[in-house]
């Protein structure tokens, strides 16, 4: 028999949509895939060369479970230089992607029955991680009019005697919305003095637009730093999704506990990928600015094009590479004799009739919306948005 804990979770909806789109393509169907959350840019050449060099030098053996010391030192140096944060290498762990870092943190912190506060819309894996650890997700519903940001009042009301942790995603997947320093300071006032941790997922922090400043939550003072596990990595900003390197920085006792979990679950991250990530942090950073400039152009096109579709609203993202349009005005429209009903029904309609893959907002706890990734070419975006517009007009 399968363990009960597995019945409490579902498969990743984003991966399921991506797999379906790829299967349709293999059948010869021209599918525009706007579901995938990874940059379409190549990994910068200097980083790839560092990976090749690691292979040539036979740097292909086990490393320390928590990651090689030079990489942890480079991460610490970046946090000090860019954010004014001081961490020792022993307070940093390198994992198999930022998702792995988050999972390790949840497993290290959450006991059976503990509550974990999760603002919605949320990244699809947050609640499932909590449930796997035996915890209870407590959702805060944010609003489009409020920029999909959790308010201090909402956070205060959600914290109870069993609250162990709070998830914070800045900027957000799926909304692309970021928190200003003032927003974060207001949340920090609520967290201060509480016996809980903040799991601050900042994987998109280098991908900000229009001069919107990125602030690490841990930088808001010593007490907040002592309660924050910062999670980041190289996947998004350096176009290294397949290299699978993420990291976490936090209190030594928490990081040590995460290292225990990792040592028994996966051991160390790829030695080759760690050397590539070392080059990402120590090498030139100019490719990031180039990617951000291109993402901004795509964002502007996608959001303005979506807003021109009758019955669709879409907030302007300040970071990441997702648009999160409200398409609920179409849910009462019929398809094959039945109302579409919800975001899953609409996403299914778009995939079958428009041959465009998007992720239903229900997967993120916000059923009125769908997620569109603009981490693809402008040609694909123009084709995909045109197909969405035409197919919605036929309903």
Foldseek 3Di string as FASTA:
>chain_A
DDDPLVVVDDDQLLVVLVVVLVVVVVVVDDFLEQRDQFFPDDQDPLLVVLLVVCVVVVLFDADFLQADQLLLVLVQVCCCVPAVDHFDSLQKGKFQALVLVVLLLLLLFDAAAAEEEEEPLARLCVQSSQSSSNYHYDYDYADVVNQSDDALVSVLVRDDPRHAEYEAEAPGVPALAGDAPVRLVSNVVSVPPDNYAYEYEDAFQLQFDPPRHGHDSLSPDDRNQQRYKYKYFCCHLRRPVVLRIIMIGGDSVSSVSSSVVSCVPPGHRGSSSSSSRSCCSVDDRVVSVVSSVVLVVLLVVLQVLQVPQPPKHWDRRRTRFKTKIQNQVQQQPDDPRHGLNWQVSLQVQCCVQLSYHWRASVSSVDTRIIMGGSSDDPVSSVSSSVSSSVSSVVD
